[in-house]
Protein backbone atom coordinates (compact mmCIF):
# COMPACT_ATOMS: atom_id res chain seq x y z
CA UNK A 1 11.82 8.08 10.94
CA UNK A 2 11.22 6.95 7.36
CA UNK A 3 8.58 6.92 4.68
CA UNK A 4 7.74 4.65 1.77
CA UNK A 5 4.86 4.66 -0.68
CA UNK A 6 4.26 1.02 0.25
CA UNK A 7 4.97 1.02 4.00
CA UNK A 8 3.80 4.53 4.85
CA UNK A 9 5.47 6.32 7.76
CA UNK A 10 7.89 4.08 9.61
CA UNK A 11 9.60 4.48 12.97
CA UNK A 12 12.79 2.78 14.04
CA UNK A 13 14.59 2.98 17.35
CA UNK A 14 17.84 1.13 17.87
CA UNK A 15 20.56 0.91 20.48
CA UNK A 16 23.73 -0.94 19.48
CA UNK A 17 26.96 -1.42 21.41
CA UNK A 18 29.86 -3.11 19.59
CA UNK A 19 31.78 -3.52 22.84
CA UNK A 20 28.96 -4.49 25.18
CA UNK A 21 30.10 -4.08 28.80
CA UNK A 22 33.71 -4.24 27.63
CA UNK A 23 33.33 -7.78 26.27
CA UNK A 24 34.18 -7.03 22.65
CA UNK A 25 30.82 -8.51 21.67
CA UNK A 26 27.90 -6.77 20.01
CA UNK A 27 24.59 -6.21 21.81
CA UNK A 28 21.58 -4.58 20.17
CA UNK A 29 17.94 -3.71 20.70
CA UNK A 30 15.71 -2.48 17.86
CA UNK A 31 12.09 -1.49 17.48
CA UNK A 32 10.47 -1.06 14.05
CA UNK A 33 6.93 0.01 13.20
CA UNK A 34 5.18 0.89 9.94
CA UNK A 35 1.65 0.72 8.53
CA UNK A 36 1.46 -3.08 8.65
CA UNK A 37 4.05 -4.43 11.07
CA UNK A 38 5.60 -3.95 14.49
CA UNK A 39 8.81 -5.68 15.61
CA UNK A 40 10.88 -5.86 18.79
CA UNK A 41 14.30 -7.50 18.47
CA UNK A 42 17.10 -8.14 20.98
CA UNK A 43 20.37 -9.70 19.82
CA UNK A 44 23.85 -10.52 21.08
CA UNK A 45 26.79 -11.58 18.89
CA UNK A 46 30.34 -12.69 19.57
CA UNK A 47 32.14 -12.00 16.25
CA UNK A 48 35.21 -14.01 17.27
CA UNK A 49 33.82 -16.90 19.27
CA UNK A 50 36.93 -18.83 18.19
CA UNK A 51 40.34 -17.65 17.02
CA UNK A 52 39.49 -18.93 13.53
CA UNK A 53 36.85 -16.21 13.12
CA UNK A 54 33.74 -18.26 13.86
CA UNK A 55 30.96 -15.97 15.07
CA UNK A 56 28.16 -17.01 17.43
CA UNK A 57 25.04 -15.03 18.12
CA UNK A 58 21.50 -15.21 19.39
CA UNK A 59 18.36 -13.12 19.11
CA UNK A 60 14.82 -13.00 20.48
CA UNK A 61 12.01 -11.17 18.69
CA UNK A 62 8.31 -10.37 18.67
CA UNK A 63 6.37 -9.40 15.52
CA UNK A 64 2.82 -8.29 14.75
CA UNK A 65 1.89 -8.37 11.06
CA UNK A 66 -1.36 -6.96 9.62
CA UNK A 67 -1.44 -8.42 6.09
CA UNK A 68 -4.53 -6.47 5.03
CA UNK A 69 -2.52 -3.22 5.32
CA UNK A 70 0.31 -4.62 3.16
CA UNK A 71 -1.76 -5.10 -0.04
CA UNK A 72 -2.43 -8.74 0.90
CA UNK A 73 -5.46 -10.80 1.88
CA UNK A 74 -6.67 -9.96 5.37
CA UNK A 75 -4.97 -11.98 8.11
CA UNK A 76 -3.05 -11.21 11.28
CA UNK A 77 0.01 -13.02 12.56
CA UNK A 78 1.70 -12.67 15.94
CA UNK A 79 5.12 -14.29 16.20
CA UNK A 80 7.43 -14.87 19.15
CA UNK A 81 10.76 -16.38 18.19
CA UNK A 82 14.34 -17.02 19.13
CA UNK A 83 17.33 -17.98 17.01
CA UNK A 84 20.97 -18.98 17.44
CA UNK A 85 23.36 -18.48 14.50
CA UNK A 86 26.97 -19.29 13.78
CA UNK A 87 29.08 -18.27 10.81
CA UNK A 88 32.62 -18.42 9.59
CA UNK A 89 34.63 -17.13 6.61
CA UNK A 90 35.83 -19.78 4.18
CA UNK A 91 38.16 -17.27 2.52
CA UNK A 92 38.23 -13.56 1.67
CA UNK A 93 35.07 -13.71 -0.46
CA UNK A 94 33.07 -16.70 0.81
CA UNK A 95 31.21 -17.14 4.08
CA UNK A 96 28.96 -19.86 5.52
CA UNK A 97 26.26 -19.32 8.14
CA UNK A 98 24.05 -21.75 10.05
CA UNK A 99 21.17 -21.25 12.45
CA UNK A 100 18.52 -23.01 14.52
CA UNK A 101 15.34 -21.32 15.59
CA UNK A 102 11.98 -21.63 17.28
CA UNK A 103 8.77 -19.72 16.45
CA UNK A 104 5.39 -19.58 18.14
CA UNK A 105 2.74 -18.21 15.76
CA UNK A 106 -0.84 -17.11 16.44
CA UNK A 107 -2.68 -16.74 13.16
CA UNK A 108 -6.13 -15.29 12.59
CA UNK A 109 -8.10 -14.52 9.44
CA UNK A 110 -11.44 -12.82 8.87
CA UNK A 111 -12.36 -14.99 5.89
CA UNK A 112 -10.38 -17.91 4.50
CA UNK A 113 -9.97 -17.76 0.72
CA UNK A 114 -10.50 -20.82 -1.44
CA UNK A 115 -6.86 -21.72 -2.04
CA UNK A 116 -6.23 -22.32 1.68
CA UNK A 117 -9.61 -23.70 2.79
CA UNK A 118 -7.97 -27.11 3.22
CA UNK A 119 -5.17 -25.52 5.28
CA UNK A 120 -7.67 -24.25 7.86
CA UNK A 121 -9.50 -27.58 7.93
CA UNK A 122 -6.31 -29.55 8.60
CA UNK A 123 -5.30 -27.37 11.56
CA UNK A 124 -8.75 -26.79 13.07
CA UNK A 125 -7.63 -28.61 16.23
CA UNK A 126 -4.84 -26.05 16.73
CA UNK A 127 -7.26 -23.21 17.51
CA UNK A 128 -7.14 -21.36 20.83
CA UNK A 129 -10.04 -19.84 22.79
CA UNK A 130 -10.01 -16.74 20.54
CA UNK A 131 -10.26 -18.77 17.32
CA UNK A 132 -6.66 -18.22 16.32
CA UNK A 133 -4.64 -21.11 14.92
CA UNK A 134 -1.48 -21.67 16.98
CA UNK A 135 1.72 -23.22 15.59
CA UNK A 136 5.04 -24.18 17.17
CA UNK A 137 7.88 -24.72 14.72
CA UNK A 138 11.58 -25.53 15.03
CA UNK A 139 13.76 -24.85 11.99
CA UNK A 140 17.27 -25.09 10.62
CA UNK A 141 18.74 -22.47 8.27
CA UNK A 142 21.95 -22.24 6.27
CA UNK A 143 23.46 -19.67 3.92
CA UNK A 144 26.36 -19.40 1.54
CA UNK A 145 27.45 -15.85 0.73
CA UNK A 146 30.04 -14.87 -1.83
CA UNK A 147 30.86 -11.16 -1.96
CA UNK A 148 33.39 -9.76 -4.41
CA UNK A 149 32.02 -6.20 -4.63
CA UNK A 150 34.38 -3.25 -4.54
CA UNK A 151 32.09 -1.28 -2.18
CA UNK A 152 29.57 -2.04 0.51
CA UNK A 153 27.24 0.73 -0.75
CA UNK A 154 26.81 1.83 -4.37
CA UNK A 155 29.16 -0.82 -5.74
CA UNK A 156 30.50 -0.32 -9.26
CA UNK A 157 32.44 -3.54 -9.89
CA UNK A 158 32.33 -7.18 -8.86
CA UNK A 159 29.57 -9.60 -8.02
CA UNK A 160 27.66 -11.06 -5.07
CA UNK A 161 25.76 -14.33 -4.66
CA UNK A 162 23.74 -15.68 -1.76
CA UNK A 163 22.12 -19.10 -1.45
CA UNK A 164 19.80 -19.53 1.54
CA UNK A 165 17.80 -22.51 2.77
CA UNK A 166 15.32 -23.08 5.57
CA UNK A 167 13.58 -26.26 6.70
CA UNK A 168 11.38 -26.94 9.70
CA UNK A 169 12.37 -29.91 11.84
CA UNK A 170 10.22 -33.05 11.45
CA UNK A 171 7.64 -33.06 14.20
CA UNK A 172 6.98 -29.33 14.00
CA UNK A 173 3.34 -28.33 13.56
CA UNK A 174 4.16 -27.15 10.03
CA UNK A 175 6.65 -29.10 7.91
CA UNK A 176 8.04 -27.12 4.99
CA UNK A 177 11.23 -25.94 3.33
CA UNK A 178 12.32 -22.82 1.43
CA UNK A 179 15.32 -22.08 -0.77
CA UNK A 180 16.35 -18.85 -2.49
CA UNK A 181 19.23 -17.62 -4.65
CA UNK A 182 20.26 -13.98 -5.21
CA UNK A 183 22.82 -12.90 -7.80
CA UNK A 184 24.16 -9.42 -8.64
CA UNK A 185 26.83 -8.47 -11.19
CA UNK A 186 28.36 -5.01 -11.79
CA UNK A 187 30.22 -4.38 -15.07
CA UNK A 188 32.05 -1.00 -15.32
CA UNK A 189 32.11 0.36 -18.88
CA UNK A 190 34.80 3.02 -18.32
CA UNK A 191 37.89 3.48 -16.18
CA UNK A 192 36.20 5.96 -13.84
CA UNK A 193 33.28 3.56 -13.22
CA UNK A 194 30.84 6.35 -14.11
CA UNK A 195 28.97 4.07 -16.52
CA UNK A 196 28.12 0.67 -15.07
CA UNK A 197 25.89 -2.16 -16.26
CA UNK A 198 24.12 -3.99 -13.44
CA UNK A 199 22.32 -7.33 -13.69
CA UNK A 200 20.25 -8.89 -10.88
CA UNK A 201 18.47 -12.20 -10.50
CA UNK A 202 16.43 -13.74 -7.70
CA UNK A 203 14.94 -17.24 -7.66
CA UNK A 204 12.97 -18.76 -4.78
CA UNK A 205 10.91 -21.88 -4.14
CA UNK A 206 9.21 -23.48 -1.16
CA UNK A 207 6.92 -26.42 -0.43
CA UNK A 208 5.77 -28.75 2.30
CA UNK A 209 6.89 -32.28 3.10
CA UNK A 210 5.20 -35.09 4.97
CA UNK A 211 1.50 -35.26 5.84
CA UNK A 212 -0.92 -33.81 8.37
CA UNK A 213 -4.47 -35.07 8.89
CA UNK A 214 -4.13 -37.35 5.88
CA UNK A 215 -3.23 -34.45 3.56
CA UNK A 216 0.11 -33.57 2.01
CA UNK A 217 1.70 -30.58 3.73
CA UNK A 218 2.19 -27.43 1.66
CA UNK A 219 4.07 -24.20 2.15
CA UNK A 220 2.04 -22.17 4.71
CA UNK A 221 0.36 -19.23 2.98
CA UNK A 222 2.00 -16.71 5.34
CA UNK A 223 5.39 -17.95 4.11
CA UNK A 224 4.52 -17.24 0.45
CA UNK A 225 6.67 -15.15 -1.87
CA UNK A 226 5.50 -11.80 -3.26
CA UNK A 227 6.71 -9.34 -5.87
CA UNK A 228 6.11 -5.67 -6.54
CA UNK A 229 7.59 -2.56 -5.00
CA UNK A 230 10.81 -0.61 -5.30
CA UNK A 231 13.01 -3.53 -4.16
CA UNK A 232 11.66 -6.28 -6.46
CA UNK A 233 9.49 -5.15 -9.39
CA UNK A 234 9.27 -1.40 -9.81
CA UNK A 235 6.15 0.05 -11.40
CA UNK A 236 3.91 -2.30 -9.39
CA UNK A 237 2.72 -1.67 -5.85
CA UNK A 238 4.33 -3.71 -3.10
CA UNK A 239 3.23 -7.38 -2.89
CA UNK A 240 0.56 -7.04 -5.63
CA UNK A 241 2.11 -9.21 -8.38
CA UNK A 242 1.05 -12.85 -8.61
CA UNK A 243 -1.89 -15.12 -7.65
CA UNK A 244 -5.09 -13.48 -6.40
CA UNK A 245 -7.51 -14.66 -3.73
CA UNK A 246 -10.59 -16.67 -4.75
CA UNK A 247 -13.56 -16.88 -2.38
CA UNK A 248 -16.35 -19.47 -2.21
CA UNK A 249 -20.00 -18.39 -2.14
CA UNK A 250 -23.11 -20.55 -1.86
CA UNK A 251 -25.44 -20.00 -4.80
CA UNK A 252 -28.52 -22.20 -5.07
CA UNK A 253 -26.93 -24.86 -2.88
CA UNK A 254 -23.73 -24.91 -4.94
CA UNK A 255 -20.31 -23.51 -4.08
CA UNK A 256 -19.18 -20.98 -6.67
CA UNK A 257 -16.05 -18.84 -6.63
CA UNK A 258 -15.55 -15.11 -7.02
CA UNK A 259 -12.19 -13.68 -7.98
CA UNK A 260 -10.70 -10.66 -6.21
CA UNK A 261 -7.70 -8.40 -6.71
CA UNK A 262 -6.23 -9.24 -3.25
CA UNK A 263 -2.79 -10.83 -3.50
CA UNK A 264 -2.01 -14.18 -1.88
CA UNK A 265 1.50 -14.82 -3.20
CA UNK A 266 2.89 -18.14 -4.36
CA UNK A 267 5.47 -20.77 -3.50
CA UNK A 268 7.78 -19.87 -6.42
CA UNK A 269 9.31 -16.59 -7.57
CA UNK A 270 11.63 -15.38 -10.33
CA UNK A 271 12.68 -11.73 -10.66
CA UNK A 272 15.35 -10.22 -12.92
CA UNK A 273 16.58 -6.70 -13.54
CA UNK A 274 18.93 -5.02 -16.02
CA UNK A 275 20.12 -1.56 -15.07
CA UNK A 276 22.36 1.06 -16.69
CA UNK A 277 24.01 3.28 -14.08
CA UNK A 278 24.94 6.71 -15.49
CA UNK A 279 26.50 9.91 -14.09
CA UNK A 280 23.90 12.00 -12.28
CA UNK A 281 23.15 15.13 -14.35
CA UNK A 282 23.90 18.56 -12.87
CA UNK A 283 25.69 17.06 -9.85
CA UNK A 284 29.23 18.19 -9.08
CA UNK A 285 32.04 15.64 -9.01
CA UNK A 286 32.22 15.83 -5.20
CA UNK A 287 28.55 14.81 -4.88
CA UNK A 288 28.60 11.99 -7.46
CA UNK A 289 29.65 9.28 -4.89
CA UNK A 290 26.49 10.03 -2.84
CA UNK A 291 24.16 9.86 -5.85
CA UNK A 292 23.18 7.05 -8.18
CA UNK A 293 21.06 7.52 -11.32
CA UNK A 294 20.05 4.55 -13.44
CA UNK A 295 17.71 3.41 -16.19
CA UNK A 296 16.23 -0.04 -15.67
CA UNK A 297 14.09 -2.85 -17.02
CA UNK A 298 12.49 -5.19 -14.46
CA UNK A 299 10.74 -8.49 -15.13
CA UNK A 300 9.29 -11.00 -12.72
CA UNK A 301 6.66 -13.58 -11.92
CA UNK A 302 5.18 -15.31 -8.88
CA UNK A 303 3.29 -18.58 -9.22
CA UNK A 304 1.77 -21.40 -7.17
CA UNK A 305 2.86 -24.86 -8.25
CA UNK A 306 0.05 -26.47 -6.22
CA UNK A 307 -2.78 -24.45 -7.83
CA UNK A 308 -5.29 -26.60 -9.74
CA UNK A 309 -6.84 -24.36 -12.40
CA UNK A 310 -9.47 -26.90 -13.45
CA UNK A 311 -10.89 -26.99 -9.93
CA UNK A 312 -12.07 -23.37 -10.25
CA UNK A 313 -12.37 -22.79 -14.00
CA UNK A 314 -16.02 -23.87 -14.30
CA UNK A 315 -17.25 -22.59 -10.93
CA UNK A 316 -17.11 -18.85 -11.52
CA UNK A 317 -19.79 -16.46 -10.32
CA UNK A 318 -20.49 -13.27 -12.29
CA UNK A 319 -17.61 -13.94 -14.65
CA UNK A 320 -14.13 -15.16 -13.83
CA UNK A 321 -12.74 -11.82 -12.74
CA UNK A 322 -9.00 -12.04 -12.08
CA UNK A 323 -9.01 -15.84 -12.46
CA UNK A 324 -6.13 -17.31 -14.46
CA UNK A 325 -3.83 -20.31 -14.23
CA UNK A 326 -1.76 -19.27 -11.22
CA UNK A 327 0.43 -22.35 -11.62
CA UNK A 328 1.84 -20.95 -14.88
CA UNK A 329 5.30 -19.33 -14.44
CA UNK A 330 4.99 -17.54 -17.81
CA UNK A 331 2.61 -14.90 -16.38
CA UNK A 332 5.48 -12.41 -16.45
CA UNK A 333 5.20 -8.73 -15.59
CA UNK A 334 7.63 -6.14 -16.98
CA UNK A 335 8.40 -2.50 -16.33
CA UNK A 336 10.96 0.14 -17.29
CA UNK A 337 11.94 3.43 -15.77
CA UNK A 338 14.35 5.77 -14.03
CA UNK A 339 15.75 5.52 -10.50
CA UNK A 340 17.56 8.12 -8.38
CA UNK A 341 19.20 7.15 -5.09
CA UNK A 342 20.79 9.57 -2.64
CA UNK A 343 22.83 8.75 0.47
CA UNK A 344 21.52 11.77 2.36
CA UNK A 345 22.45 12.81 5.93
CA UNK A 346 19.03 11.49 7.08
CA UNK A 347 19.52 8.11 5.39
CA UNK A 348 19.20 6.62 1.89
CA UNK A 349 16.47 8.19 -0.28
CA UNK A 350 15.12 6.36 -3.34
CA UNK A 351 12.95 7.97 -6.04
CA UNK A 352 11.55 5.82 -8.86
CA UNK A 353 9.60 6.66 -11.99
CA UNK A 354 8.41 3.48 -13.72
CA UNK A 355 6.03 2.46 -16.48
CA UNK A 356 4.61 -1.08 -16.55
CA UNK A 357 5.22 -2.68 -19.95
CA UNK A 358 3.30 -5.90 -19.32
CA UNK A 359 0.61 -6.41 -16.69
CA UNK A 360 -2.49 -8.51 -15.99
CA UNK A 361 -5.98 -7.83 -14.72
CA UNK A 362 -5.93 -7.07 -11.01
CA UNK A 363 -2.33 -5.80 -10.92
CA UNK A 364 -1.96 -2.60 -8.91
CA UNK A 365 0.55 -0.29 -10.60
CA UNK A 366 2.30 2.89 -9.51
CA UNK A 367 4.21 5.34 -11.69
CA UNK A 368 6.07 7.02 -8.83
CA UNK A 369 7.46 5.47 -5.65
CA UNK A 370 9.53 6.94 -2.88
CA UNK A 371 11.35 5.33 0.03
CA UNK A 372 13.51 6.49 2.94
CA UNK A 373 15.70 4.05 4.80
CA UNK A 374 17.25 1.58 2.35
CA UNK A 375 18.47 1.34 -1.23
CA UNK A 376 17.52 -1.12 -3.99
């Protein structure tokens, strides 16, 4: 059982066997549920499929996602999927992973916002009897991971990089690609590693390829990137940073737009963080390894490279509330604050006090956030 200021109360049940039926392989079943999602996942992995250390695994999963409860525009997505992955170590610090997958999505939305009106028009023929748009996609994924950290949890020295790509196979209902890069560096400032400087960077981009219905394909809106929350941009509520939804209204026979503060995400993201890890005050030396106190500065932006500002600029109704050029990557948010993390017997606890230093109209901020279940 966990809790987060963004996800609310969460429940997780898992059963894992590293030596499933005496095979030496790993079998697992997990169930996760919070305020906006529900997931069932079954997986099976052979960590030594070959003597060279090549692993082979497969999983099947089912997900229900209620975007309106996750600080996003209101849509629902049901996903059934399966995936096969293989990975192998290149050397002690580098690893490569590959995967192929299939997903069946049923997507519904109460009201389509202006930025994706064309998306719903293109795929109108994909609707089922309940009005949901149905997609079948096959994809290929690959990852390069380099890990030189001195610890798996609460590292104090070394660095870690991960480059991940995903592309749907031509002929899928949706044709798009995504690529992301994560980088973390730990620099100890003393021999005891009590004072450590930590730098993080994340870059991501996605877009469509090919055409559908005579239109260029774009990154599906439910694959967009978001920022905000304790694990990306502290001081801002989860998923609230970036482009906002615009809705069309008919006024005197003309379509006008009204801005809202509902987040829609974008196809590009850049987030960076600089953190000074310090000894936790008033904690004995025996408890210091289970505690991490740090002062941080976060900065990040989410933007939509396909957004055409001029299309909406002169069509505002009752003022252009929340409207700005969402294709501009310089709409950067910043925050600073204090973080305390504790590896407690009931799981990792994270407490954050943050103050936004730069924000824009419509951003939803939070001074305090709290999470049980995973660290930043």
